[in-house]
Protein backbone atom coordinates (compact mmCIF):
# COMPACT_ATOMS: atom_id res chain seq x y z
CA PHE A 1 -0.03 -0.02 0.05
CA VAL A 2 2.87 2.39 0.86
CA GLN A 3 4.67 1.59 -2.33
CA ARG A 4 1.63 2.26 -4.32
CA THR A 5 1.02 5.61 -2.53
CA GLU A 6 4.60 6.70 -3.16
CA TRP A 7 4.31 5.80 -6.81
CA SER A 8 1.09 7.77 -7.03
CA LEU A 9 2.65 10.62 -5.17
CA GLN A 10 5.62 10.56 -7.73
CA LEU A 11 3.32 10.30 -10.65
CA MET A 12 1.26 13.31 -9.29
CA THR A 13 4.38 15.31 -8.60
CA GLN A 14 5.78 14.43 -12.34
CA ARG A 15 2.26 15.55 -13.74
CA ALA A 16 2.49 18.64 -11.70
CA LEU A 17 5.96 19.55 -12.75
CA GLU A 18 4.67 18.97 -16.47
CA ALA A 19 1.62 21.06 -15.83
CA GLU A 20 3.86 23.87 -14.43
CA SER A 21 6.17 23.56 -17.38
CA ASN A 22 3.21 23.77 -19.84
CA VAL A 23 1.87 26.73 -17.85
CA GLU A 24 5.23 28.66 -18.22
CA LYS A 25 5.29 27.78 -21.88
CA LEU A 26 1.81 29.17 -22.24
CA LYS A 27 2.59 32.33 -20.37
CA GLN A 28 5.53 32.89 -22.68
CA GLU A 29 3.20 32.21 -25.66
CA ILE A 30 0.60 34.68 -24.35
CA PHE A 31 3.27 37.10 -23.74
CA ILE A 32 4.55 37.02 -27.31
CA LEU A 33 0.97 36.93 -28.65
CA GLN A 34 0.14 40.12 -26.68
CA GLY A 35 3.06 41.60 -28.30
CA GLU A 36 2.07 40.71 -31.71
CA LEU A 37 -1.61 41.89 -30.89
CA GLU A 38 -0.34 45.31 -29.74
CA SER A 39 1.92 45.50 -32.87
CA SER A 40 -1.15 44.51 -35.10
CA LYS A 41 -3.25 47.12 -33.34
CA LEU A 42 -0.72 49.92 -33.94
CA GLU A 43 -0.19 48.75 -37.56
CA ASN A 44 -4.03 48.90 -37.94
CA LYS A 45 -4.13 52.30 -36.48
CA ASN A 46 -1.31 53.62 -38.76
CA LEU A 47 -3.07 52.15 -41.57
CA LYS A 48 -6.32 53.88 -40.85
CA ALA A 49 -4.57 57.03 -40.36
CA GLY A 50 -2.80 56.68 -43.65
CA GLN A 51 -6.25 55.99 -45.36
CA THR A 52 -7.66 58.95 -43.73
CA THR A 53 -4.62 61.14 -44.86
CA ASP A 54 -5.13 59.63 -48.36
CA LEU A 55 -8.64 60.47 -48.48
CA GLY A 56 -7.99 63.84 -47.08
CA ALA A 57 -5.17 64.31 -49.89
CA VAL A 58 -7.68 63.08 -52.53
CA LYS A 59 -10.28 65.38 -51.43
CA HIS A 60 -7.86 68.41 -51.27
CA ASN A 61 -6.76 67.37 -54.83
CA ILE A 62 -10.40 67.23 -56.02
CA ASP A 63 -11.16 70.57 -54.48
CA PHE A 64 -8.09 71.98 -56.10
CA ALA A 65 -9.08 70.53 -59.42
CA LEU A 66 -12.58 71.74 -59.31
CA GLN A 67 -11.28 75.33 -58.46
CA ASN A 68 -9.02 75.36 -61.51
CA LEU A 69 -11.88 74.01 -63.62
CA HIS A 70 -14.12 76.66 -62.58
CA LYS A 71 -11.45 79.20 -63.49
CA ILE A 72 -11.03 77.64 -66.78
CA ILE A 73 -14.70 77.62 -67.49
CA THR A 74 -14.94 81.37 -66.50
CA SER A 75 -12.06 82.14 -68.86
CA ALA A 76 -13.48 80.08 -71.62
CA ASN A 77 -16.93 81.83 -71.20
CA TRP A 78 -15.14 85.23 -71.13
CA SER A 79 -13.09 84.19 -74.42
CA ILE A 80 -16.36 83.02 -76.19
CA ARG A 81 -17.99 86.38 -75.18
CA GLN A 82 -15.07 88.40 -76.58
CA LEU A 83 -15.15 86.13 -79.81
CA ALA A 84 -18.83 86.77 -80.26
CA ASN A 85 -18.36 90.58 -79.75
CA GLY A 86 -15.44 90.46 -82.16
CA ALA A 87 -17.66 88.58 -84.73
CA GLU A 88 -20.35 91.35 -84.22
CA SER A 89 -17.69 94.04 -84.84
CA LEU A 90 -16.28 92.35 -88.01
CA HIS A 91 -19.95 91.83 -89.16
CA PHE A 92 -20.48 95.75 -88.53
CA VAL A 93 -17.29 96.54 -90.33
CA ALA A 94 -18.33 94.35 -93.30
CA GLU A 95 -21.59 96.27 -93.55
CA VAL A 96 -19.93 99.69 -93.41
CA LEU A 97 -17.53 98.34 -96.14
CA LYS A 98 -20.46 97.21 -98.22
CA SER A 99 -22.20 100.35 -97.85
CA THR A 100 -19.19 102.27 -98.57
CA GLY A 101 -18.69 100.37 -101.68
CA LYS A 102 -22.25 101.05 -102.79
CA ILE A 103 -21.75 104.67 -101.99
CA SER A 104 -18.59 104.64 -104.26
CA GLU A 105 -20.67 102.96 -107.07
CA VAL A 106 -23.19 105.62 -106.76
CA GLU A 107 -20.78 108.53 -106.98
CA ALA A 108 -18.95 106.78 -109.78
CA GLU A 109 -22.07 106.57 -111.79
CA LYS A 110 -22.92 110.28 -111.11
CA GLU A 111 -19.71 111.31 -112.70
């Protein structure tokens, strides 16, 4: 009976030592995983911040492009108005020249 009890005690001691060893290995693994988790959280935060920055930069670029586009449209409208005014002026000059030509013809016929 004593031998059996000693054997059981040794077996339980061995199991306890193995369990303690496993607990230490698991603690180390948990420590490593916690470090990796924190690193992943930081990386995720940085990526999100980078996306926000990128989206902010894209919005800024779009706003800048829109401002320039509005300036170009305004300038184009002005140029079109100038061209139309110029065409009207040329039409007026053509009418004046046509009238001057008719006046010259009438004066030539009188002479």
